[in-house]
PDB file of N, CA and C in Angstrom:
ATOM      1  N   MET A   1       7.036 -12.971  13.265  1.00  0.00           N
ATOM      2  CA  MET A   1       7.864 -12.037  12.997  1.00  0.00           C
ATOM      3  C   MET A   1       7.383 -10.710  12.612  1.00  0.00           C
ATOM      4  N   ILE A   2       7.764  -9.632  13.285  1.00  0.00           N
ATOM      5  CA  ILE A   2       6.943  -8.217  12.764  1.00  0.00           C
ATOM      6  C   ILE A   2       7.771  -7.584  11.648  1.00  0.00           C
ATOM      7  N   ILE A   3       7.369  -7.429  10.403  1.00  0.00           N
ATOM      8  CA  ILE A   3       7.902  -6.983   9.395  1.00  0.00           C
ATOM      9  C   ILE A   3       8.118  -5.329   9.924  1.00  0.00           C
ATOM     10  N   ALA A   4       9.710  -4.912   9.720  1.00  0.00           N
ATOM     11  CA  ALA A   4      10.139  -3.710   9.780  1.00  0.00           C
ATOM     12  C   ALA A   4       9.251  -2.593   8.927  1.00  0.00           C
ATOM     13  N   SER A   5       8.726  -1.785   9.899  1.00  0.00           N
ATOM     14  CA  SER A   5       7.976  -0.526   9.377  1.00  0.00           C
ATOM     15  C   SER A   5       8.786   0.273   8.054  1.00  0.00           C
ATOM     16  N   ASP A   6      10.170   0.140   8.508  1.00  0.00           N
ATOM     17  CA  ASP A   6      11.005   0.778   7.395  1.00  0.00           C
ATOM     18  C   ASP A   6      10.778   0.184   6.030  1.00  0.00           C
ATOM     19  N   LEU A   7      10.712  -0.961   6.024  1.00  0.00           N
ATOM     20  CA  LEU A   7      10.461  -1.835   4.768  1.00  0.00           C
ATOM     21  C   LEU A   7       9.015  -1.593   4.011  1.00  0.00           C
ATOM     22  N   ILE A   8       8.167  -1.324   4.880  1.00  0.00           N
ATOM     23  CA  ILE A   8       7.001  -1.234   4.270  1.00  0.00           C
ATOM     24  C   ILE A   8       6.672   0.337   3.891  1.00  0.00           C
ATOM     25  N   ARG A   9       7.236   1.052   4.884  1.00  0.00           N
ATOM     26  CA  ARG A   9       7.071   2.689   4.647  1.00  0.00           C
ATOM     27  C   ARG A   9       7.184   3.269   3.395  1.00  0.00           C
ATOM     28  N   GLY A  10       8.464   2.521   2.836  1.00  0.00           N
ATOM     29  CA  GLY A  10       9.051   3.011   1.266  1.00  0.00           C
ATOM     30  C   GLY A  10       8.095   2.676   0.130  1.00  0.00           C
ATOM     31  N   ASN A  11       7.224   1.577   0.322  1.00  0.00           N
ATOM     32  CA  ASN A  11       6.228   1.289  -0.255  1.00  0.00           C
ATOM     33  C   ASN A  11       4.569   1.281  -0.196  1.00  0.00           C
ATOM     34  N   THR A  12       4.342   2.870   0.724  1.00  0.00           N
ATOM     35  CA  THR A  12       3.254   3.105   0.991  1.00  0.00           C
ATOM     36  C   THR A  12       2.069   3.326  -0.316  1.00  0.00           C
ATOM     37  N   ASP A  13       2.735   3.949  -1.322  1.00  0.00           N
ATOM     38  CA  ASP A  13       2.080   4.195  -2.312  1.00  0.00           C
ATOM     39  C   ASP A  13       1.765   3.024  -3.015  1.00  0.00           C
ATOM     40  N   THR A  14       2.390   2.130  -3.326  1.00  0.00           N
ATOM     41  CA  THR A  14       2.254   0.986  -3.973  1.00  0.00           C
ATOM     42  C   THR A  14       1.112   0.289  -3.357  1.00  0.00           C
ATOM     43  N   ILE A  15       1.343  -0.141  -2.054  1.00  0.00           N
ATOM     44  CA  ILE A  15       0.394  -0.922  -1.424  1.00  0.00           C
ATOM     45  C   ILE A  15      -1.021  -0.262  -1.518  1.00  0.00           C
ATOM     46  N   ILE A  16      -1.172   0.929  -1.305  1.00  0.00           N
ATOM     47  CA  ILE A  16      -2.496   1.993  -1.287  1.00  0.00           C
ATOM     48  C   ILE A  16      -3.059   1.957  -2.927  1.00  0.00           C
ATOM     49  N   LEU A  17      -2.105   1.891  -3.933  1.00  0.00           N
ATOM     50  CA  LEU A  17      -2.562   1.855  -5.483  1.00  0.00           C
ATOM     51  C   LEU A  17      -3.139   0.101  -5.540  1.00  0.00           C
ATOM     52  N   ALA A  18      -2.622  -0.694  -4.846  1.00  0.00           N
ATOM     53  CA  ALA A  18      -2.876  -1.845  -5.254  1.00  0.00           C
ATOM     54  C   ALA A  18      -4.126  -2.236  -4.420  1.00  0.00           C
ATOM     55  N   SER A  19      -4.354  -1.791  -3.632  1.00  0.00           N
ATOM     56  CA  SER A  19      -5.607  -1.965  -2.772  1.00  0.00           C
ATOM     57  C   SER A  19      -6.686  -1.370  -3.645  1.00  0.00           C
ATOM     58  N   LEU A  20      -6.548  -0.242  -4.082  1.00  0.00           N
ATOM     59  CA  LEU A  20      -7.233   0.533  -5.212  1.00  0.00           C
ATOM     60  C   LEU A  20      -7.872  -0.079  -6.375  1.00  0.00           C
ATOM     61  N   MET A  21      -6.707  -1.057  -6.964  1.00  0.00           N
ATOM     62  CA  MET A  21      -6.777  -1.745  -8.200  1.00  0.00           C
ATOM     63  C   MET A  21      -8.082  -2.299  -8.126  1.00  0.00           C
ATOM     64  N   MET A  22      -8.087  -3.195  -6.935  1.00  0.00           N
ATOM     65  CA  MET A  22      -9.331  -4.124  -6.860  1.00  0.00           C
ATOM     66  C   MET A  22     -10.577  -3.138  -7.000  1.00  0.00           C
ATOM     67  N   LYS A  23     -10.841  -2.399  -6.177  1.00  0.00           N
ATOM     68  CA  LYS A  23     -12.174  -1.613  -6.241  1.00  0.00           C
ATOM     69  C   LYS A  23     -11.931  -0.158  -5.234  1.00  0.00           C
ATOM     70  N   ASP A  24     -12.803   0.788  -5.299  1.00  0.00           N
ATOM     71  CA  ASP A  24     -12.744   1.954  -4.622  1.00  0.00           C
ATOM     72  C   ASP A  24     -13.070   1.724  -3.370  1.00  0.00           C
ATOM     73  N   SER A  25     -12.344   2.395  -2.443  1.00  0.00           N
ATOM     74  CA  SER A  25     -12.474   2.222  -0.779  1.00  0.00           C
ATOM     75  C   SER A  25     -12.217   3.293  -0.107  1.00  0.00           C
ATOM     76  N   TYR A  26     -12.260   3.483   1.060  1.00  0.00           N
ATOM     77  CA  TYR A  26     -12.002   4.409   2.385  1.00  0.00           C
ATOM     78  C   TYR A  26     -10.996   3.862   2.945  1.00  0.00           C
ATOM     79  N   GLY A  27     -10.268   5.008   3.546  1.00  0.00           N
ATOM     80  CA  GLY A  27      -9.085   4.524   4.357  1.00  0.00           C
ATOM     81  C   GLY A  27      -9.118   3.805   5.433  1.00  0.00           C
ATOM     82  N   TYR A  28     -10.220   3.336   6.374  1.00  0.00           N
ATOM     83  CA  TYR A  28     -10.445   2.507   7.110  1.00  0.00           C
ATOM     84  C   TYR A  28     -10.465   1.157   6.552  1.00  0.00           C
ATOM     85  N   GLU A  29     -11.050   1.028   5.589  1.00  0.00           N
ATOM     86  CA  GLU A  29     -11.247  -0.121   5.069  1.00  0.00           C
ATOM     87  C   GLU A  29     -10.056  -0.466   4.518  1.00  0.00           C
ATOM     88  N   ILE A  30      -9.320   0.273   3.690  1.00  0.00           N
ATOM     89  CA  ILE A  30      -7.931  -0.095   3.263  1.00  0.00           C
ATOM     90  C   ILE A  30      -6.736  -0.451   4.356  1.00  0.00           C
ATOM     91  N   ASN A  31      -6.855   0.449   5.369  1.00  0.00           N
ATOM     92  CA  ASN A  31      -6.241  -0.268   6.666  1.00  0.00           C
ATOM     93  C   ASN A  31      -6.719  -1.265   7.133  1.00  0.00           C
ATOM     94  N   LYS A  32      -7.921  -1.728   7.156  1.00  0.00           N
ATOM     95  CA  LYS A  32      -8.324  -3.136   7.967  1.00  0.00           C
ATOM     96  C   LYS A  32      -8.021  -4.106   7.081  1.00  0.00           C
ATOM     97  N   ASN A  33      -7.908  -3.942   5.595  1.00  0.00           N
ATOM     98  CA  ASN A  33      -7.496  -4.879   4.593  1.00  0.00           C
ATOM     99  C   ASN A  33      -5.926  -5.277   5.068  1.00  0.00           C
ATOM    100  N   ILE A  34      -5.324  -4.217   4.820  1.00  0.00           N
ATOM    101  CA  ILE A  34      -3.859  -4.472   5.134  1.00  0.00           C
ATOM    102  C   ILE A  34      -3.569  -5.524   6.468  1.00  0.00           C
ATOM    103  N   SER A  35      -4.233  -4.895   7.507  1.00  0.00           N
ATOM    104  CA  SER A  35      -4.039  -5.498   8.772  1.00  0.00           C
ATOM    105  C   SER A  35      -4.634  -7.245   8.673  1.00  0.00           C
ATOM    106  N   THR A  36      -5.521  -7.196   7.909  1.00  0.00           N
ATOM    107  CA  THR A  36      -5.949  -8.815   7.516  1.00  0.00           C
ATOM    108  C   THR A  36      -5.060  -9.450   6.945  1.00  0.00           C
ATOM    109  N   LYS A  37      -4.518  -9.001   5.487  1.00  0.00           N
ATOM    110  CA  LYS A  37      -3.492  -9.598   4.563  1.00  0.00           C
ATOM    111  C   LYS A  37      -2.390  -9.761   5.636  1.00  0.00           C
ATOM    112  N   THR A  38      -1.854  -9.233   6.515  1.00  0.00           N
ATOM    113  CA  THR A  38      -0.648  -9.309   7.508  1.00  0.00           C
ATOM    114  C   THR A  38      -1.003 -10.143   8.580  1.00  0.00           C
ATOM    115  N   ASP A  39      -2.110 -10.492   8.819  1.00  0.00           N
ATOM    116  CA  ASP A  39      -2.522 -11.236  10.174  1.00  0.00           C
ATOM    117  C   ASP A  39      -2.194 -10.668  11.081  1.00  0.00           C
ATOM    118  N   GLY A  40      -2.634  -9.355  11.000  1.00  0.00           N
ATOM    119  CA  GLY A  40      -2.495  -8.257  12.175  1.00  0.00           C
ATOM    120  C   GLY A  40      -1.137  -7.773  12.683  1.00  0.00           C
ATOM    121  N   LYS A  41      -0.252  -8.095  11.853  1.00  0.00           N
ATOM    122  CA  LYS A  41       1.324  -7.768  11.982  1.00  0.00           C
ATOM    123  C   LYS A  41       1.673  -6.333  11.508  1.00  0.00           C
ATOM    124  N   TYR A  42       0.644  -5.569  10.864  1.00  0.00           N
ATOM    125  CA  TYR A  42       1.032  -4.339  10.274  1.00  0.00           C
ATOM    126  C   TYR A  42      -0.216  -3.474   9.889  1.00  0.00           C
ATOM    127  N   GLU A  43      -0.056  -2.123   9.979  1.00  0.00           N
ATOM    128  CA  GLU A  43      -1.172  -1.364   9.504  1.00  0.00           C
ATOM    129  C   GLU A  43      -0.491   0.158   9.498  1.00  0.00           C
ATOM    130  N   PHE A  44      -1.289   0.907   8.643  1.00  0.00           N
ATOM    131  CA  PHE A  44      -0.750   2.051   8.469  1.00  0.00           C
ATOM    132  C   PHE A  44      -1.112   3.116   9.835  1.00  0.00           C
ATOM    133  N   LYS A  45      -0.283   3.991   9.972  1.00  0.00           N
ATOM    134  CA  LYS A  45      -0.843   4.891  11.179  1.00  0.00           C
ATOM    135  C   LYS A  45      -1.861   5.877  10.106  1.00  0.00           C
ATOM    136  N   GLU A  46      -2.662   6.215  10.876  1.00  0.00           N
ATOM    137  CA  GLU A  46      -3.902   7.185  10.344  1.00  0.00           C
ATOM    138  C   GLU A  46      -3.281   8.318   9.370  1.00  0.00           C
ATOM    139  N   ALA A  47      -2.246   9.057  10.157  1.00  0.00           N
ATOM    140  CA  ALA A  47      -1.467  10.258   9.503  1.00  0.00           C
ATOM    141  C   ALA A  47      -0.861   9.648   8.261  1.00  0.00           C
ATOM    142  N   THR A  48       0.007   8.581   8.527  1.00  0.00           N
ATOM    143  CA  THR A  48       0.560   8.155   7.166  1.00  0.00           C
ATOM    144  C   THR A  48      -0.316   7.890   6.066  1.00  0.00           C
ATOM    145  N   LEU A  49      -1.463   7.274   6.145  1.00  0.00           N
ATOM    146  CA  LEU A  49      -2.507   6.752   5.264  1.00  0.00           C
ATOM    147  C   LEU A  49      -3.045   8.225   4.525  1.00  0.00           C
ATOM    148  N   TYR A  50      -3.581   8.974   5.539  1.00  0.00           N
ATOM    149  CA  TYR A  50      -3.849  10.388   4.343  1.00  0.00           C
ATOM    150  C   TYR A  50      -3.048  11.098   4.051  1.00  0.00           C
ATOM    151  N   THR A  51      -1.874  11.332   4.535  1.00  0.00           N
ATOM    152  CA  THR A  51      -0.605  11.948   3.888  1.00  0.00           C
ATOM    153  C   THR A  51      -0.566  11.404   2.338  1.00  0.00           C
ATOM    154  N   ALA A  52      -0.477  10.188   2.375  1.00  0.00           N
ATOM    155  CA  ALA A  52      -0.398   9.345   1.119  1.00  0.00           C
ATOM    156  C   ALA A  52      -1.361   9.508   0.145  1.00  0.00           C
ATOM    157  N   PHE A  53      -2.869   9.566   0.749  1.00  0.00           N
ATOM    158  CA  PHE A  53      -3.740   9.985  -0.255  1.00  0.00           C
ATOM    159  C   PHE A  53      -3.730  11.177  -0.648  1.00  0.00           C
ATOM    160  N   LYS A  54      -3.398  12.088   0.255  1.00  0.00           N
ATOM    161  CA  LYS A  54      -3.339  13.554  -0.285  1.00  0.00           C
ATOM    162  C   LYS A  54      -2.135  13.610  -1.477  1.00  0.00           C
ATOM    163  N   ARG A  55      -1.299  12.908  -1.169  1.00  0.00           N
ATOM    164  CA  ARG A  55       0.094  12.894  -2.285  1.00  0.00           C
ATOM    165  C   ARG A  55      -0.404  12.382  -3.510  1.00  0.00           C
ATOM    166  N   LEU A  56      -1.030  11.214  -3.198  1.00  0.00           N
ATOM    167  CA  LEU A  56      -1.265  10.469  -4.620  1.00  0.00           C
ATOM    168  C   LEU A  56      -2.599  11.220  -5.218  1.00  0.00           C
ATOM    169  N   GLU A  57      -3.431  11.909  -4.414  1.00  0.00           N
ATOM    170  CA  GLU A  57      -4.531  12.786  -5.368  1.00  0.00           C
ATOM    171  C   GLU A  57      -3.765  13.856  -5.964  1.00  0.00           C
ATOM    172  N   GLU A  58      -3.084  14.552  -5.415  1.00  0.00           N
ATOM    173  CA  GLU A  58      -2.206  15.894  -6.141  1.00  0.00           C
ATOM    174  C   GLU A  58      -1.538  15.160  -7.290  1.00  0.00           C
ATOM    175  N   ALA A  59      -1.098  14.124  -7.174  1.00  0.00           N
ATOM    176  CA  ALA A  59      -0.087  13.619  -8.289  1.00  0.00           C
ATOM    177  C   ALA A  59      -1.236  12.965  -9.400  1.00  0.00           C
ATOM    178  N   GLY A  60      -2.458  12.999  -9.318  1.00  0.00           N
ATOM    179  CA  GLY A  60      -3.422  12.688 -10.239  1.00  0.00           C
ATOM    180  C   GLY A  60      -3.219  11.055 -10.431  1.00  0.00           C
ATOM    181  N   PHE A  61      -3.150  10.173  -9.568  1.00  0.00           N
ATOM    182  CA  PHE A  61      -3.215   9.006  -9.212  1.00  0.00           C
ATOM    183  C   PHE A  61      -4.440   8.429  -8.694  1.00  0.00           C
ATOM    184  N   ILE A  62      -4.960   9.163  -7.983  1.00  0.00           N
ATOM    185  CA  ILE A  62      -6.198   8.832  -7.431  1.00  0.00           C
ATOM    186  C   ILE A  62      -7.359   9.976  -7.548  1.00  0.00           C
ATOM    187  N   THR A  63      -8.602   9.684  -7.122  1.00  0.00           N
ATOM    188  CA  THR A  63      -9.750  10.798  -7.130  1.00  0.00           C
ATOM    189  C   THR A  63     -10.079  10.250  -6.024  1.00  0.00           C
ATOM    190  N   SER A  64     -10.857  11.432  -5.445  1.00  0.00           N
ATOM    191  CA  SER A  64     -11.650  11.034  -4.037  1.00  0.00           C
ATOM    192  C   SER A  64     -13.248  11.532  -4.203  1.00  0.00           C
ATOM    193  N   TYR A  65     -14.219  10.951  -3.718  1.00  0.00           N
ATOM    194  CA  TYR A  65     -15.598  11.521  -3.878  1.00  0.00           C
ATOM    195  C   TYR A  65     -16.111  11.074  -2.202  1.00  0.00           C
ATOM    196  N   TRP A  66     -17.314  11.762  -1.948  1.00  0.00           N
ATOM    197  CA  TRP A  66     -17.706  11.396  -0.886  1.00  0.00           C
ATOM    198  C   TRP A  66     -18.900  10.413  -1.229  1.00  0.00           C
ATOM    199  N   GLY A  67     -18.974   9.230  -0.231  1.00  0.00           N
ATOM    200  CA  GLY A  67     -20.032   8.064  -0.332  1.00  0.00           C
ATOM    201  C   GLY A  67     -21.447   8.471   0.000  1.00  0.00           C
ATOM    202  N   GLU A  68     -22.230   7.616   0.225  1.00  0.00           N
ATOM    203  CA  GLU A  68     -23.602   7.785   0.536  1.00  0.00           C
ATOM    204  C   GLU A  68     -23.356   7.975   2.121  1.00  0.00           C
ATOM    205  N   GLN A  69     -24.197   8.578   2.681  1.00  0.00           N
ATOM    206  CA  GLN A  69     -23.917   8.733   4.259  1.00  0.00           C
ATOM    207  C   GLN A  69     -24.340   7.510   4.785  1.00  0.00           C
ATOM    208  N   ASN A  70     -23.733   7.041   5.702  1.00  0.00           N
ATOM    209  CA  ASN A  70     -24.274   5.748   6.358  1.00  0.00           C
ATOM    210  C   ASN A  70     -24.717   6.293   7.838  1.00  0.00           C
ATOM    211  N   VAL A  71     -24.918   5.226   8.827  1.00  0.00           N
ATOM    212  CA  VAL A  71     -25.555   5.458  10.081  1.00  0.00           C
ATOM    213  C   VAL A  71     -24.765   6.739  10.908  1.00  0.00           C
ATOM    214  N   THR A  72     -23.325   6.423  11.050  1.00  0.00           N
ATOM    215  CA  THR A  72     -22.325   7.212  11.781  1.00  0.00           C
ATOM    216  C   THR A  72     -21.849   8.548  10.743  1.00  0.00           C
ATOM    217  N   ALA A  73     -21.212   8.301   9.700  1.00  0.00           N
ATOM    218  CA  ALA A  73     -20.778   9.367   9.072  1.00  0.00           C
ATOM    219  C   ALA A  73     -20.494   9.254   7.484  1.00  0.00           C
ATOM    220  N   ARG A  74     -20.162  10.256   6.858  1.00  0.00           N
ATOM    221  CA  ARG A  74     -20.010   9.978   5.335  1.00  0.00           C
ATOM    222  C   ARG A  74     -18.468   9.530   5.294  1.00  0.00           C
ATOM    223  N   ARG A  75     -18.397   8.718   4.394  1.00  0.00           N
ATOM    224  CA  ARG A  75     -17.085   8.384   4.179  1.00  0.00           C
ATOM    225  C   ARG A  75     -16.659   8.876   2.592  1.00  0.00           C
ATOM    226  N   ARG A  76     -15.407   9.270   2.817  1.00  0.00           N
ATOM    227  CA  ARG A  76     -14.467   9.733   1.707  1.00  0.00           C
ATOM    228  C   ARG A  76     -14.089   8.350   0.938  1.00  0.00           C
ATOM    229  N   TYR A  77     -14.347   8.143  -0.305  1.00  0.00           N
ATOM    230  CA  TYR A  77     -13.782   7.091  -1.105  1.00  0.00           C
ATOM    231  C   TYR A  77     -12.700   7.617  -1.916  1.00  0.00           C
ATOM    232  N   TYR A  78     -11.843   6.528  -2.229  1.00  0.00           N
ATOM    233  CA  TYR A  78     -10.917   6.861  -3.174  1.00  0.00           C
ATOM    234  C   TYR A  78     -11.063   5.931  -4.287  1.00  0.00           C
ATOM    235  N   SER A  79     -10.484   6.297  -5.497  1.00  0.00           N
ATOM    236  CA  SER A  79     -10.614   5.582  -6.776  1.00  0.00           C
ATOM    237  C   SER A  79      -9.386   5.765  -7.631  1.00  0.00           C
ATOM    238  N   ILE A  80      -8.532   4.646  -8.104  1.00  0.00           N
ATOM    239  CA  ILE A  80      -7.635   4.905  -8.925  1.00  0.00           C
ATOM    240  C   ILE A  80      -7.854   5.022 -10.137  1.00  0.00           C
ATOM    241  N   THR A  81      -6.805   6.419 -10.941  1.00  0.00           N
ATOM    242  CA  THR A  81      -7.074   6.791 -12.336  1.00  0.00           C
ATOM    243  C   THR A  81      -6.305   5.894 -13.342  1.00  0.00           C
ATOM    244  N   GLN A  82      -6.570   6.178 -14.462  1.00  0.00           N
ATOM    245  CA  GLN A  82      -5.745   5.390 -15.270  1.00  0.00           C
ATOM    246  C   GLN A  82      -4.185   5.522 -15.136  1.00  0.00           C
ATOM    247  N   ARG A  83      -3.734   7.001 -14.706  1.00  0.00           N
ATOM    248  CA  ARG A  83      -2.605   7.066 -14.435  1.00  0.00           C
ATOM    249  C   ARG A  83      -2.039   6.612 -13.185  1.00  0.00           C
ATOM    250  N   GLY A  84      -3.010   6.599 -12.246  1.00  0.00           N
ATOM    251  CA  GLY A  84      -2.585   5.691 -11.281  1.00  0.00           C
ATOM    252  C   GLY A  84      -2.418   4.280 -11.230  1.00  0.00           C
ATOM    253  N   LYS A  85      -3.216   3.561 -12.450  1.00  0.00           N
ATOM    254  CA  LYS A  85      -2.963   2.284 -12.868  1.00  0.00           C
ATOM    255  C   LYS A  85      -1.423   2.000 -13.301  1.00  0.00           C
ATOM    256  N   GLU A  86      -1.280   3.155 -14.242  1.00  0.00           N
ATOM    257  CA  GLU A  86       0.243   2.949 -14.975  1.00  0.00           C
ATOM    258  C   GLU A  86       1.215   2.921 -13.724  1.00  0.00           C
ATOM    259  N   GLU A  87       1.083   3.929 -12.847  1.00  0.00           N
ATOM    260  CA  GLU A  87       1.963   4.283 -11.860  1.00  0.00           C
ATOM    261  C   GLU A  87       2.367   3.004 -10.859  1.00  0.00           C
ATOM    262  N   TYR A  88       1.057   2.372 -10.751  1.00  0.00           N
ATOM    263  CA  TYR A  88       1.105   1.283  -9.847  1.00  0.00           C
ATOM    264  C   TYR A  88       1.953   0.109 -10.615  1.00  0.00           C
ATOM    265  N   LEU A  89       1.517  -0.094 -11.830  1.00  0.00           N
ATOM    266  CA  LEU A  89       2.587  -0.928 -12.712  1.00  0.00           C
ATOM    267  C   LEU A  89       4.172  -1.008 -12.531  1.00  0.00           C
ATOM    268  N   LYS A  90       4.570   0.368 -12.494  1.00  0.00           N
ATOM    269  CA  LYS A  90       5.569   0.773 -12.920  1.00  0.00           C
ATOM    270  C   LYS A  90       6.383   0.540 -11.390  1.00  0.00           C
ATOM    271  N   LEU A  91       5.729   0.995 -10.230  1.00  0.00           N
ATOM    272  CA  LEU A  91       6.290   0.839  -8.894  1.00  0.00           C
ATOM    273  C   LEU A  91       6.212  -1.060  -8.455  1.00  0.00           C
ATOM    274  N   LEU A  92       5.235  -1.645  -9.058  1.00  0.00           N
ATOM    275  CA  LEU A  92       5.447  -2.988  -8.819  1.00  0.00           C
ATOM    276  C   LEU A  92       6.556  -3.675  -9.524  1.00  0.00           C
ATOM    277  N   ASN A  93       6.926  -3.187 -10.687  1.00  0.00           N
ATOM    278  CA  ASN A  93       8.143  -3.465 -11.450  1.00  0.00           C
ATOM    279  C   ASN A  93       9.605  -3.205 -10.384  1.00  0.00           C
ATOM    280  N   ASP A  94       9.213  -1.834 -10.139  1.00  0.00           N
ATOM    281  CA  ASP A  94      10.527  -1.373  -9.497  1.00  0.00           C
ATOM    282  C   ASP A  94      10.786  -2.261  -8.102  1.00  0.00           C
ATOM    283  N   TRP A  95       9.580  -2.690  -7.491  1.00  0.00           N
ATOM    284  CA  TRP A  95       9.669  -3.339  -6.326  1.00  0.00           C
ATOM    285  C   TRP A  95      10.219  -4.813  -6.816  1.00  0.00           C
ATOM    286  N   LYS A  96       9.591  -5.433  -7.874  1.00  0.00           N
ATOM    287  CA  LYS A  96      10.254  -6.790  -8.184  1.00  0.00           C
ATOM    288  C   LYS A  96      11.538  -6.598  -8.345  1.00  0.00           C
ATOM    289  N   ASN A  97      12.070  -5.517  -8.986  1.00  0.00           N
ATOM    290  CA  ASN A  97      13.736  -5.457  -9.292  1.00  0.00           C
ATOM    291  C   ASN A  97      14.459  -5.340  -8.149  1.00  0.00           C
ATOM    292  N   ALA A  98      13.816  -4.568  -7.090  1.00  0.00           N
ATOM    293  CA  ALA A  98      14.806  -4.094  -6.018  1.00  0.00           C
ATOM    294  C   ALA A  98      14.417  -5.529  -5.096  1.00  0.00           C
ATOM    295  N   LYS A  99      13.505  -6.196  -5.159  1.00  0.00           N
ATOM    296  CA  LYS A  99      13.439  -7.657  -4.360  1.00  0.00           C
ATOM    297  C   LYS A  99      14.511  -8.660  -4.915  1.00  0.00           C
ATOM    298  N   ASN A 100      14.522  -8.597  -5.908  1.00  0.00           N
ATOM    299  CA  ASN A 100      15.537  -9.578  -6.788  1.00  0.00           C
ATOM    300  C   ASN A 100      17.066  -9.127  -6.333  1.00  0.00           C
ATOM    301  N   MET A 101      17.052  -7.913  -6.516  1.00  0.00           N
ATOM    302  CA  MET A 101      18.689  -7.321  -6.030  1.00  0.00           C
ATOM    303  C   MET A 101      18.721  -7.735  -4.548  1.00  0.00           C
ATOM    304  N   ILE A 102      18.045  -7.406  -3.839  1.00  0.00           N
ATOM    305  CA  ILE A 102      18.263  -7.670  -2.412  1.00  0.00           C
ATOM    306  C   ILE A 102      18.366  -8.977  -2.031  1.00  0.00           C
ATOM    307  N   GLU A 103      17.638  -9.997  -2.683  1.00  0.00           N
ATOM    308  CA  GLU A 103      18.029 -11.128  -2.508  1.00  0.00           C
ATOM    309  C   GLU A 103      19.525 -11.730  -2.842  1.00  0.00           C
ATOM    310  N   LYS A 104      19.839 -11.242  -4.225  1.00  0.00           N
ATOM    311  CA  LYS A 104      21.208 -11.542  -4.546  1.00  0.00           C
ATOM    312  C   LYS A 104      22.081 -11.046  -3.475  1.00  0.00           C
ATOM    313  N   LEU A 105      21.854  -9.806  -2.915  1.00  0.00           N
ATOM    314  CA  LEU A 105      22.727  -9.075  -1.926  1.00  0.00           C
ATOM    315  C   LEU A 105      23.312  -9.645  -0.475  1.00  0.00           C
ATOM    316  N   ILE A 106      21.943 -10.143  -0.390  1.00  0.00           N
ATOM    317  CA  ILE A 106      22.286 -10.929   1.135  1.00  0.00           C
ATOM    318  C   ILE A 106      22.090 -12.381   1.132  1.00  0.00           C
ATOM    319  N   ASP A 107      21.944 -13.267   0.033  1.00  0.00           N
ATOM    320  CA  ASP A 107      22.117 -14.257   0.125  1.00  0.00           C
ATOM    321  C   ASP A 107      23.305 -14.873   0.156  1.00  0.00           C
ATOM    322  N   THR A 108      23.767 -15.525   1.379  1.00  0.00           N
ATOM    323  CA  THR A 108      25.249 -16.002   1.677  1.00  0.00           C
ATOM    324  C   THR A 108      25.497 -17.559   1.268  1.00  0.00           C
ATOM    325  N   GLY A 109      24.202 -18.212   1.188  1.00  0.00           N
ATOM    326  CA  GLY A 109      24.505 -19.531   0.874  1.00  0.00           C
ATOM    327  C   GLY A 109      23.967 -20.625   1.726  1.00  0.00           C
ATOM    328  N   VAL A 110      24.283 -19.625   3.161  1.00  0.00           N
ATOM    329  CA  VAL A 110      24.024 -20.498   4.302  1.00  0.00           C
ATOM    330  C   VAL A 110      22.628 -20.533   4.431  1.00  0.00           C
ATOM    331  N   MET A 111      22.228 -21.912   4.833  1.00  0.00           N
ATOM    332  CA  MET A 111      20.658 -22.316   5.264  1.00  0.00           C
ATOM    333  C   MET A 111      20.199 -21.426   6.605  1.00  0.00           C
ATOM    334  N   GLU A 112      19.120 -21.188   6.596  1.00  0.00           N
ATOM    335  CA  GLU A 112      18.572 -20.655   7.847  1.00  0.00           C
ATOM    336  C   GLU A 112      18.829 -21.195   9.204  1.00  0.00           C
ATOM    337  N   ASN A 113      19.163 -22.708   9.152  1.00  0.00           N
ATOM    338  CA  ASN A 113      19.091 -23.410  10.342  1.00  0.00           C
ATOM    339  C   ASN A 113      20.705 -23.713  10.746  1.00  0.00           C
ATOM    340  N   GLY A 114      21.318 -22.542   9.788  1.00  0.00           N
ATOM    341  CA  GLY A 114      22.927 -22.486  10.148  1.00  0.00           C
ATOM    342  C   GLY A 114      23.886 -23.642   9.286  1.00  0.00           C
ATOM    343  N   GLN A 115      23.436 -24.314   8.583  1.00  0.00           N
ATOM    344  CA  GLN A 115      23.923 -25.348   7.640  1.00  0.00           C
ATOM    345  C   GLN A 115      24.373 -24.721   6.346  1.00  0.00           C
TER     346      GLN A 115
END
């Protein structure tokens, strides 16, 4: 089953901030980790990812810096700020509340196999 993009799209900021809670990272690496965690079923479009980075940086939730130059090119790394950590915890709480509410709204008591 492929997860509907619309369900994930509304949580782009939360997903990016969650990735940065672990360590500083760059766009390709974050997207690769998303693909790995979803067994290849989802990854952000490049435009979506970099638009989110810009929005998060303007809001003060992340900062960016140029990493050491590797063989092919310099990478722009992103780091979560203290304000970003607070925002992540708020978004995570919002997600958990929404998930619980949706589960209540769609649970019919019928099991998946129709019984």
